[in-house]
Each structure stands twice: as structure tokens, then as C-alpha cells.
Amino acid sequence: MDYLTISKCLEDCFELELGDQMVRFDSILDSLMTTDVPREKLREELSDWKDEVASIVDDIEYDAILQHERQREFATMSEELFGTEV
């Protein structure tokens, strides 16, 4: 289990306000504390959670890149059309 990755995922959840993922992580820990969860099940749940957080973060970053590219494209079109930068 990669603790740095779990910490990074938690940091991303707080930074990007991924409340549902924070609740899911809390539920995983609650189940660990309140029931006898097999080690393999715990690893599987944490791994699935980390993968889902990583996927959400990747989607958010990809959307930001697309937004930036659209702005650059718009600026380039404006410069070509009007002859100056906007």
C-alpha cells in the first residue's frame, strides 16, 4: 500500500473539494474500525478509491488544459481577424 499516494489523494480531495470522495474514504476507515474487514477487502477498497480519485483529478486537469487551449485559440483568431491581440 502506497501511503504517499493515499495522502496525495486526500490532499487532492480537499483541494478540489471532492466531498463525495472524502466521505467514501471516511466510510472505508469507519468499516475498518467497526467491523472485522479482511485485509484483502480493505486493500481492494482503498485501491478502487485511489483509482477513482486519480481519474477525477485527471479529468479536471484535462478540462483545464482544454480551456486554456480554447483561450489561446480564441486569442489567435482575434489577432488574425483584427490584427491585434485581445
N, C-alpha and C. Protein backbone atom coordinates (compact mmCIF):
# COMPACT_ATOMS: atom_id res chain seq x y z
N MET A 1 0.85 -1.18 0.00
CA MET A 1 0.00 0.00 0.00
C MET A 1 0.90 1.24 0.00
N ASP A 2 0.62 2.16 -0.86
CA ASP A 2 1.44 3.35 -1.03
C ASP A 2 0.81 4.50 -0.24
N TYR A 3 1.37 4.78 0.94
CA TYR A 3 0.78 5.79 1.82
C TYR A 3 0.89 7.19 1.24
N LEU A 4 1.97 7.45 0.50
CA LEU A 4 2.12 8.75 -0.13
C LEU A 4 0.97 8.99 -1.11
N THR A 5 0.60 7.95 -1.84
CA THR A 5 -0.49 8.09 -2.80
C THR A 5 -1.81 8.36 -2.08
N ILE A 6 -2.04 7.68 -0.97
CA ILE A 6 -3.26 7.93 -0.20
C ILE A 6 -3.26 9.37 0.31
N SER A 7 -2.13 9.81 0.82
CA SER A 7 -2.03 11.19 1.31
C SER A 7 -2.25 12.19 0.18
N LYS A 8 -1.67 11.90 -0.98
CA LYS A 8 -1.84 12.79 -2.14
C LYS A 8 -3.30 12.81 -2.58
N CYS A 9 -3.94 11.66 -2.57
CA CYS A 9 -5.36 11.60 -2.93
C CYS A 9 -6.21 12.42 -1.96
N LEU A 10 -5.92 12.30 -0.68
CA LEU A 10 -6.66 13.09 0.31
C LEU A 10 -6.42 14.59 0.11
N GLU A 11 -5.18 14.94 -0.17
CA GLU A 11 -4.85 16.35 -0.44
C GLU A 11 -5.63 16.85 -1.66
N ASP A 12 -5.67 16.04 -2.71
CA ASP A 12 -6.43 16.42 -3.91
C ASP A 12 -7.92 16.56 -3.60
N CYS A 13 -8.44 15.66 -2.78
CA CYS A 13 -9.86 15.73 -2.41
C CYS A 13 -10.18 17.04 -1.69
N PHE A 14 -9.33 17.43 -0.76
CA PHE A 14 -9.56 18.68 -0.04
C PHE A 14 -9.38 19.88 -0.95
N GLU A 15 -8.33 19.86 -1.75
CA GLU A 15 -8.01 20.98 -2.63
C GLU A 15 -9.10 21.20 -3.68
N LEU A 16 -9.61 20.10 -4.24
CA LEU A 16 -10.60 20.20 -5.32
C LEU A 16 -12.04 20.07 -4.80
N GLU A 17 -12.17 20.02 -3.48
CA GLU A 17 -13.48 19.93 -2.83
C GLU A 17 -14.30 18.74 -3.33
N LEU A 18 -13.68 17.57 -3.31
CA LEU A 18 -14.33 16.34 -3.71
C LEU A 18 -14.96 15.68 -2.49
N GLY A 19 -16.03 16.27 -2.02
CA GLY A 19 -16.68 15.84 -0.79
C GLY A 19 -17.13 14.39 -0.82
N ASP A 20 -17.66 13.93 -1.94
CA ASP A 20 -18.12 12.54 -2.03
C ASP A 20 -16.96 11.57 -1.82
N GLN A 21 -15.79 11.91 -2.35
CA GLN A 21 -14.64 11.03 -2.19
C GLN A 21 -14.10 11.05 -0.77
N MET A 22 -14.19 12.19 -0.12
CA MET A 22 -13.78 12.26 1.29
C MET A 22 -14.71 11.42 2.15
N VAL A 23 -16.00 11.47 1.86
CA VAL A 23 -16.97 10.66 2.60
C VAL A 23 -16.71 9.18 2.36
N ARG A 24 -16.41 8.82 1.12
CA ARG A 24 -16.13 7.41 0.80
C ARG A 24 -14.89 6.93 1.57
N PHE A 25 -13.84 7.74 1.60
CA PHE A 25 -12.63 7.36 2.34
C PHE A 25 -12.95 7.20 3.83
N ASP A 26 -13.72 8.12 4.36
CA ASP A 26 -14.11 8.05 5.77
C ASP A 26 -14.91 6.77 6.05
N SER A 27 -15.76 6.40 5.12
CA SER A 27 -16.54 5.17 5.28
C SER A 27 -15.65 3.93 5.28
N ILE A 28 -14.64 3.94 4.43
CA ILE A 28 -13.69 2.82 4.40
C ILE A 28 -13.00 2.68 5.75
N LEU A 29 -12.56 3.81 6.31
CA LEU A 29 -11.89 3.76 7.61
C LEU A 29 -12.85 3.39 8.73
N ASP A 30 -14.09 3.89 8.66
CA ASP A 30 -15.09 3.51 9.67
C ASP A 30 -15.34 2.01 9.66
N SER A 31 -15.42 1.43 8.47
CA SER A 31 -15.66 -0.01 8.39
C SER A 31 -14.48 -0.78 8.98
N LEU A 32 -13.29 -0.25 8.81
CA LEU A 32 -12.10 -0.87 9.39
C LEU A 32 -12.17 -0.85 10.91
N MET A 33 -12.64 0.26 11.45
CA MET A 33 -12.68 0.43 12.91
C MET A 33 -13.84 -0.30 13.57
N THR A 34 -14.94 -0.49 12.85
CA THR A 34 -16.14 -1.04 13.48
C THR A 34 -16.42 -2.49 13.15
N THR A 35 -15.78 -3.03 12.12
CA THR A 35 -16.02 -4.43 11.75
C THR A 35 -14.69 -5.13 11.48
N ASP A 36 -14.75 -6.43 11.41
CA ASP A 36 -13.57 -7.21 11.05
C ASP A 36 -13.52 -7.34 9.53
N VAL A 37 -12.84 -6.41 8.92
CA VAL A 37 -12.73 -6.40 7.47
C VAL A 37 -11.47 -7.16 7.08
N PRO A 38 -11.60 -8.11 6.17
CA PRO A 38 -10.39 -8.82 5.72
C PRO A 38 -9.40 -7.84 5.06
N ARG A 39 -8.15 -8.11 5.28
CA ARG A 39 -7.09 -7.23 4.76
C ARG A 39 -7.23 -7.02 3.25
N GLU A 40 -7.50 -8.10 2.53
CA GLU A 40 -7.61 -8.01 1.06
C GLU A 40 -8.77 -7.10 0.65
N LYS A 41 -9.87 -7.17 1.37
CA LYS A 41 -11.03 -6.32 1.07
C LYS A 41 -10.68 -4.84 1.31
N LEU A 42 -9.96 -4.57 2.38
CA LEU A 42 -9.55 -3.20 2.68
C LEU A 42 -8.62 -2.68 1.59
N ARG A 43 -7.66 -3.48 1.18
CA ARG A 43 -6.74 -3.08 0.11
C ARG A 43 -7.50 -2.81 -1.18
N GLU A 44 -8.44 -3.67 -1.49
CA GLU A 44 -9.23 -3.51 -2.70
C GLU A 44 -10.03 -2.22 -2.68
N GLU A 45 -10.68 -1.94 -1.56
CA GLU A 45 -11.48 -0.71 -1.43
C GLU A 45 -10.60 0.54 -1.54
N LEU A 46 -9.46 0.53 -0.85
CA LEU A 46 -8.55 1.69 -0.92
C LEU A 46 -7.99 1.86 -2.32
N SER A 47 -7.66 0.78 -2.97
CA SER A 47 -7.14 0.85 -4.33
C SER A 47 -8.19 1.40 -5.29
N ASP A 48 -9.42 0.92 -5.17
CA ASP A 48 -10.51 1.44 -6.01
C ASP A 48 -10.74 2.93 -5.75
N TRP A 49 -10.69 3.31 -4.47
CA TRP A 49 -10.88 4.73 -4.12
C TRP A 49 -9.78 5.59 -4.73
N LYS A 50 -8.51 5.15 -4.58
CA LYS A 50 -7.38 5.91 -5.13
C LYS A 50 -7.51 6.04 -6.65
N ASP A 51 -7.90 4.95 -7.31
CA ASP A 51 -8.06 4.99 -8.77
C ASP A 51 -9.16 5.97 -9.19
N GLU A 52 -10.25 5.97 -8.44
CA GLU A 52 -11.35 6.88 -8.77
C GLU A 52 -10.95 8.34 -8.57
N VAL A 53 -10.26 8.63 -7.47
CA VAL A 53 -9.78 9.99 -7.22
C VAL A 53 -8.82 10.42 -8.32
N ALA A 54 -7.91 9.54 -8.69
CA ALA A 54 -6.94 9.85 -9.75
C ALA A 54 -7.65 10.14 -11.06
N SER A 55 -8.68 9.37 -11.36
CA SER A 55 -9.45 9.58 -12.58
C SER A 55 -10.17 10.94 -12.57
N ILE A 56 -10.74 11.29 -11.44
CA ILE A 56 -11.43 12.58 -11.32
C ILE A 56 -10.44 13.72 -11.47
N VAL A 57 -9.28 13.62 -10.82
CA VAL A 57 -8.26 14.65 -10.91
C VAL A 57 -7.76 14.78 -12.35
N ASP A 58 -7.54 13.65 -13.01
CA ASP A 58 -7.11 13.70 -14.42
C ASP A 58 -8.14 14.40 -15.29
N ASP A 59 -9.43 14.11 -15.06
CA ASP A 59 -10.49 14.76 -15.83
C ASP A 59 -10.50 16.27 -15.60
N ILE A 60 -10.32 16.68 -14.35
CA ILE A 60 -10.32 18.10 -14.02
C ILE A 60 -9.12 18.79 -14.68
N GLU A 61 -7.96 18.15 -14.61
CA GLU A 61 -6.76 18.73 -15.23
C GLU A 61 -6.90 18.79 -16.74
N TYR A 62 -7.48 17.75 -17.35
CA TYR A 62 -7.69 17.74 -18.80
C TYR A 62 -8.63 18.86 -19.21
N ASP A 63 -9.71 19.06 -18.44
CA ASP A 63 -10.64 20.15 -18.73
C ASP A 63 -9.95 21.50 -18.64
N ALA A 64 -9.06 21.67 -17.68
CA ALA A 64 -8.32 22.93 -17.54
C ALA A 64 -7.40 23.16 -18.73
N ILE A 65 -6.76 22.10 -19.21
CA ILE A 65 -5.89 22.21 -20.38
C ILE A 65 -6.70 22.59 -21.60
N LEU A 66 -7.85 21.94 -21.78
CA LEU A 66 -8.72 22.27 -22.92
C LEU A 66 -9.18 23.72 -22.86
N GLN A 67 -9.54 24.18 -21.68
CA GLN A 67 -9.98 25.57 -21.50
C GLN A 67 -8.87 26.53 -21.89
N HIS A 68 -7.65 26.23 -21.47
CA HIS A 68 -6.50 27.07 -21.79
C HIS A 68 -6.25 27.09 -23.30
N GLU A 69 -6.33 25.92 -23.93
CA GLU A 69 -6.13 25.84 -25.38
C GLU A 69 -7.21 26.61 -26.13
N ARG A 70 -8.44 26.55 -25.67
CA ARG A 70 -9.52 27.31 -26.31
C ARG A 70 -9.27 28.81 -26.20
N GLN A 71 -8.78 29.25 -25.05
CA GLN A 71 -8.49 30.67 -24.88
C GLN A 71 -7.36 31.11 -25.80
N ARG A 72 -6.33 30.28 -25.93
CA ARG A 72 -5.23 30.61 -26.84
C ARG A 72 -5.70 30.64 -28.28
N GLU A 73 -6.55 29.68 -28.64
CA GLU A 73 -7.10 29.63 -30.00
C GLU A 73 -7.94 30.88 -30.28
N PHE A 74 -8.74 31.29 -29.31
CA PHE A 74 -9.57 32.48 -29.47
C PHE A 74 -8.69 33.72 -29.65
N ALA A 75 -7.63 33.82 -28.85
CA ALA A 75 -6.72 34.96 -28.96
C ALA A 75 -6.04 34.98 -30.33
N THR A 76 -5.64 33.83 -30.81
CA THR A 76 -5.00 33.74 -32.12
C THR A 76 -5.98 34.14 -33.22
N MET A 77 -7.21 33.66 -33.14
CA MET A 77 -8.23 34.01 -34.14
C MET A 77 -8.51 35.50 -34.10
N SER A 78 -8.58 36.07 -32.91
CA SER A 78 -8.85 37.50 -32.77
C SER A 78 -7.72 38.31 -33.38
N GLU A 79 -6.49 37.88 -33.14
CA GLU A 79 -5.33 38.59 -33.69
C GLU A 79 -5.34 38.53 -35.21
N GLU A 80 -5.68 37.36 -35.77
CA GLU A 80 -5.74 37.23 -37.22
C GLU A 80 -6.87 38.06 -37.80
N LEU A 81 -7.99 38.09 -37.12
CA LEU A 81 -9.16 38.80 -37.60
C LEU A 81 -9.02 40.31 -37.48
N PHE A 82 -8.55 40.77 -36.34
CA PHE A 82 -8.48 42.22 -36.08
C PHE A 82 -7.08 42.80 -36.21
N GLY A 83 -6.10 41.94 -36.30
CA GLY A 83 -4.74 42.43 -36.45
C GLY A 83 -4.08 42.84 -35.16
N THR A 84 -4.71 42.64 -34.03
CA THR A 84 -4.11 42.96 -32.74
C THR A 84 -4.48 41.86 -31.76
N GLU A 85 -3.73 41.83 -30.67
CA GLU A 85 -4.08 40.88 -29.61
C GLU A 85 -5.22 41.42 -28.80
N VAL A 86 -6.05 40.54 -28.32
CA VAL A 86 -7.17 40.93 -27.47
C VAL A 86 -6.81 40.66 -26.05
